Amino acid sequence: MTTTANAPANAEKRYTVHRADLPLSCPTPEMALWNSHPRVYLPIQDDPDHQAQCPYCGAVYQLAD
């Protein structure tokens, strides 16, 4: 049985993520995909500032650790 994600997709513009959350995708697996854009994977660990921005919704993700 598949569980449905309950968090609203793209509700915020800034998100903090941790290495345990990698690989990073927007929307994240916890977010409901049905009312969002297609899932895109973001290479946050490759960025010198450990930051990534979603090309669809503009949400900014910051890697905390």
N, C-alpha and C. Protein backbone atom coordinates (compact mmCIF):
# COMPACT_ATOMS: atom_id res chain seq x y z
N MET A 1 0.85 -1.18 0.00
CA MET A 1 0.00 0.00 0.00
C MET A 1 0.89 1.24 0.00
N THR A 2 0.53 2.22 -0.77
CA THR A 2 1.31 3.46 -0.86
C THR A 2 0.70 4.51 0.06
N THR A 3 1.57 5.25 0.75
CA THR A 3 1.08 6.32 1.61
C THR A 3 1.07 7.62 0.81
N THR A 4 0.13 8.47 1.11
CA THR A 4 0.02 9.75 0.43
C THR A 4 0.72 10.82 1.25
N ALA A 5 1.49 11.64 0.57
CA ALA A 5 2.19 12.73 1.25
C ALA A 5 1.16 13.76 1.72
N ASN A 6 1.39 14.29 2.90
CA ASN A 6 0.42 15.22 3.49
C ASN A 6 0.85 16.66 3.44
N ALA A 7 2.13 16.94 3.35
CA ALA A 7 2.61 18.32 3.36
C ALA A 7 2.24 18.99 2.04
N PRO A 8 1.80 20.24 2.10
CA PRO A 8 1.48 20.93 0.85
C PRO A 8 2.76 21.18 0.05
N ALA A 9 2.64 21.06 -1.25
CA ALA A 9 3.80 21.25 -2.12
C ALA A 9 4.07 22.74 -2.30
N ASN A 10 5.33 23.10 -2.25
CA ASN A 10 5.78 24.44 -2.54
C ASN A 10 5.08 25.52 -1.71
N ALA A 11 4.82 25.22 -0.45
CA ALA A 11 4.13 26.16 0.42
C ALA A 11 5.06 27.26 0.92
N GLU A 12 6.35 26.99 0.93
CA GLU A 12 7.32 27.97 1.40
C GLU A 12 8.31 28.28 0.28
N LYS A 13 9.08 29.33 0.45
CA LYS A 13 10.07 29.69 -0.56
C LYS A 13 11.49 29.32 -0.14
N ARG A 14 11.69 28.98 1.14
CA ARG A 14 13.02 28.58 1.64
C ARG A 14 12.86 27.32 2.49
N TYR A 15 13.74 26.36 2.24
CA TYR A 15 13.73 25.10 2.97
C TYR A 15 15.14 24.77 3.42
N THR A 16 15.28 24.22 4.61
CA THR A 16 16.55 23.72 5.10
C THR A 16 16.49 22.20 5.01
N VAL A 17 17.52 21.61 4.40
CA VAL A 17 17.58 20.16 4.26
C VAL A 17 18.87 19.65 4.88
N HIS A 18 18.93 18.35 5.13
CA HIS A 18 20.09 17.70 5.73
C HIS A 18 20.61 16.62 4.79
N ARG A 19 21.83 16.17 5.01
CA ARG A 19 22.42 15.14 4.15
C ARG A 19 21.58 13.87 4.11
N ALA A 20 20.87 13.59 5.17
CA ALA A 20 19.99 12.41 5.19
C ALA A 20 18.84 12.56 4.20
N ASP A 21 18.54 13.80 3.77
CA ASP A 21 17.46 14.06 2.82
C ASP A 21 17.90 13.89 1.37
N LEU A 22 19.20 13.68 1.14
CA LEU A 22 19.71 13.57 -0.23
C LEU A 22 19.40 12.20 -0.81
N PRO A 23 19.17 12.05 -2.08
CA PRO A 23 19.20 13.10 -3.09
C PRO A 23 17.99 14.02 -2.94
N LEU A 24 18.23 15.29 -3.16
CA LEU A 24 17.21 16.33 -2.99
C LEU A 24 16.36 16.45 -4.25
N SER A 25 15.07 16.47 -4.04
CA SER A 25 14.16 16.72 -5.16
C SER A 25 13.14 17.77 -4.74
N CYS A 26 12.63 18.47 -5.70
CA CYS A 26 11.54 19.43 -5.48
C CYS A 26 10.40 19.03 -6.40
N PRO A 27 9.24 18.80 -5.87
CA PRO A 27 8.89 18.75 -4.45
C PRO A 27 9.53 17.55 -3.77
N THR A 28 9.71 17.67 -2.46
CA THR A 28 10.32 16.58 -1.69
C THR A 28 9.33 15.43 -1.56
N PRO A 29 9.80 14.24 -1.20
CA PRO A 29 8.88 13.10 -1.05
C PRO A 29 7.77 13.33 -0.02
N GLU A 30 7.99 14.22 0.94
CA GLU A 30 6.97 14.50 1.95
C GLU A 30 5.85 15.39 1.43
N MET A 31 6.08 16.03 0.29
CA MET A 31 5.09 16.96 -0.26
C MET A 31 4.15 16.24 -1.22
N ALA A 32 2.93 16.71 -1.25
CA ALA A 32 1.94 16.16 -2.18
C ALA A 32 2.32 16.55 -3.60
N LEU A 33 2.46 15.58 -4.48
CA LEU A 33 2.88 15.85 -5.85
C LEU A 33 1.71 16.20 -6.76
N TRP A 34 0.52 15.84 -6.42
CA TRP A 34 -0.62 16.01 -7.30
C TRP A 34 -0.91 17.47 -7.67
N ASN A 35 -0.55 18.41 -6.79
CA ASN A 35 -0.86 19.82 -7.06
C ASN A 35 0.40 20.64 -7.26
N SER A 36 1.44 20.01 -7.77
CA SER A 36 2.72 20.70 -7.92
C SER A 36 3.27 20.50 -9.32
N HIS A 37 4.49 20.94 -9.51
CA HIS A 37 5.17 20.76 -10.78
C HIS A 37 5.82 19.37 -10.82
N PRO A 38 6.33 18.94 -11.97
CA PRO A 38 7.01 17.64 -12.02
C PRO A 38 8.22 17.62 -11.08
N ARG A 39 8.53 16.45 -10.55
CA ARG A 39 9.66 16.31 -9.63
C ARG A 39 10.96 16.52 -10.39
N VAL A 40 11.84 17.36 -9.82
CA VAL A 40 13.15 17.63 -10.39
C VAL A 40 14.19 17.43 -9.29
N TYR A 41 15.30 16.80 -9.64
CA TYR A 41 16.37 16.56 -8.67
C TYR A 41 17.38 17.69 -8.72
N LEU A 42 17.79 18.17 -7.55
CA LEU A 42 18.67 19.33 -7.43
C LEU A 42 20.01 18.91 -6.84
N PRO A 43 21.13 19.19 -7.53
CA PRO A 43 22.46 18.78 -7.05
C PRO A 43 23.02 19.74 -6.00
N ILE A 44 22.39 19.81 -4.87
CA ILE A 44 22.75 20.78 -3.83
C ILE A 44 24.14 20.54 -3.27
N GLN A 45 24.57 19.28 -3.19
CA GLN A 45 25.88 18.97 -2.61
C GLN A 45 27.02 19.44 -3.51
N ASP A 46 26.78 19.68 -4.80
CA ASP A 46 27.81 20.14 -5.73
C ASP A 46 28.00 21.65 -5.71
N ASP A 47 27.06 22.39 -5.16
CA ASP A 47 27.14 23.84 -5.12
C ASP A 47 28.09 24.28 -4.01
N PRO A 48 28.99 25.25 -4.28
CA PRO A 48 29.94 25.70 -3.24
C PRO A 48 29.26 26.25 -1.99
N ASP A 49 28.09 26.85 -2.15
CA ASP A 49 27.34 27.40 -1.01
C ASP A 49 26.35 26.40 -0.43
N HIS A 50 26.31 25.19 -1.00
CA HIS A 50 25.35 24.15 -0.60
C HIS A 50 23.93 24.69 -0.62
N GLN A 51 23.61 25.34 -1.74
CA GLN A 51 22.30 25.92 -1.93
C GLN A 51 21.82 25.56 -3.34
N ALA A 52 20.53 25.36 -3.50
CA ALA A 52 19.96 25.05 -4.81
C ALA A 52 18.60 25.71 -4.93
N GLN A 53 18.27 26.11 -6.16
CA GLN A 53 16.97 26.73 -6.42
C GLN A 53 16.22 25.91 -7.45
N CYS A 54 14.96 25.66 -7.18
CA CYS A 54 14.13 24.90 -8.09
C CYS A 54 13.83 25.74 -9.33
N PRO A 55 14.06 25.18 -10.52
CA PRO A 55 13.79 25.94 -11.74
C PRO A 55 12.30 26.11 -12.03
N TYR A 56 11.44 25.32 -11.39
CA TYR A 56 10.00 25.43 -11.63
C TYR A 56 9.33 26.45 -10.71
N CYS A 57 9.52 26.28 -9.40
CA CYS A 57 8.78 27.12 -8.45
C CYS A 57 9.63 28.19 -7.78
N GLY A 58 10.95 28.10 -7.92
CA GLY A 58 11.83 29.11 -7.34
C GLY A 58 12.16 28.89 -5.88
N ALA A 59 11.72 27.78 -5.30
CA ALA A 59 12.03 27.50 -3.89
C ALA A 59 13.55 27.33 -3.74
N VAL A 60 14.09 27.86 -2.65
CA VAL A 60 15.52 27.78 -2.39
C VAL A 60 15.74 26.79 -1.26
N TYR A 61 16.67 25.87 -1.49
CA TYR A 61 17.02 24.84 -0.50
C TYR A 61 18.43 25.11 -0.02
N GLN A 62 18.63 25.00 1.30
CA GLN A 62 19.94 25.20 1.92
C GLN A 62 20.31 23.92 2.66
N LEU A 63 21.50 23.40 2.37
CA LEU A 63 21.99 22.20 3.05
C LEU A 63 22.58 22.60 4.40
N ALA A 64 22.05 22.04 5.48
CA ALA A 64 22.42 22.45 6.83
C ALA A 64 23.68 21.76 7.34
N ASP A 65 23.96 20.54 6.91
CA ASP A 65 25.13 19.83 7.44
C ASP A 65 25.89 19.12 6.35
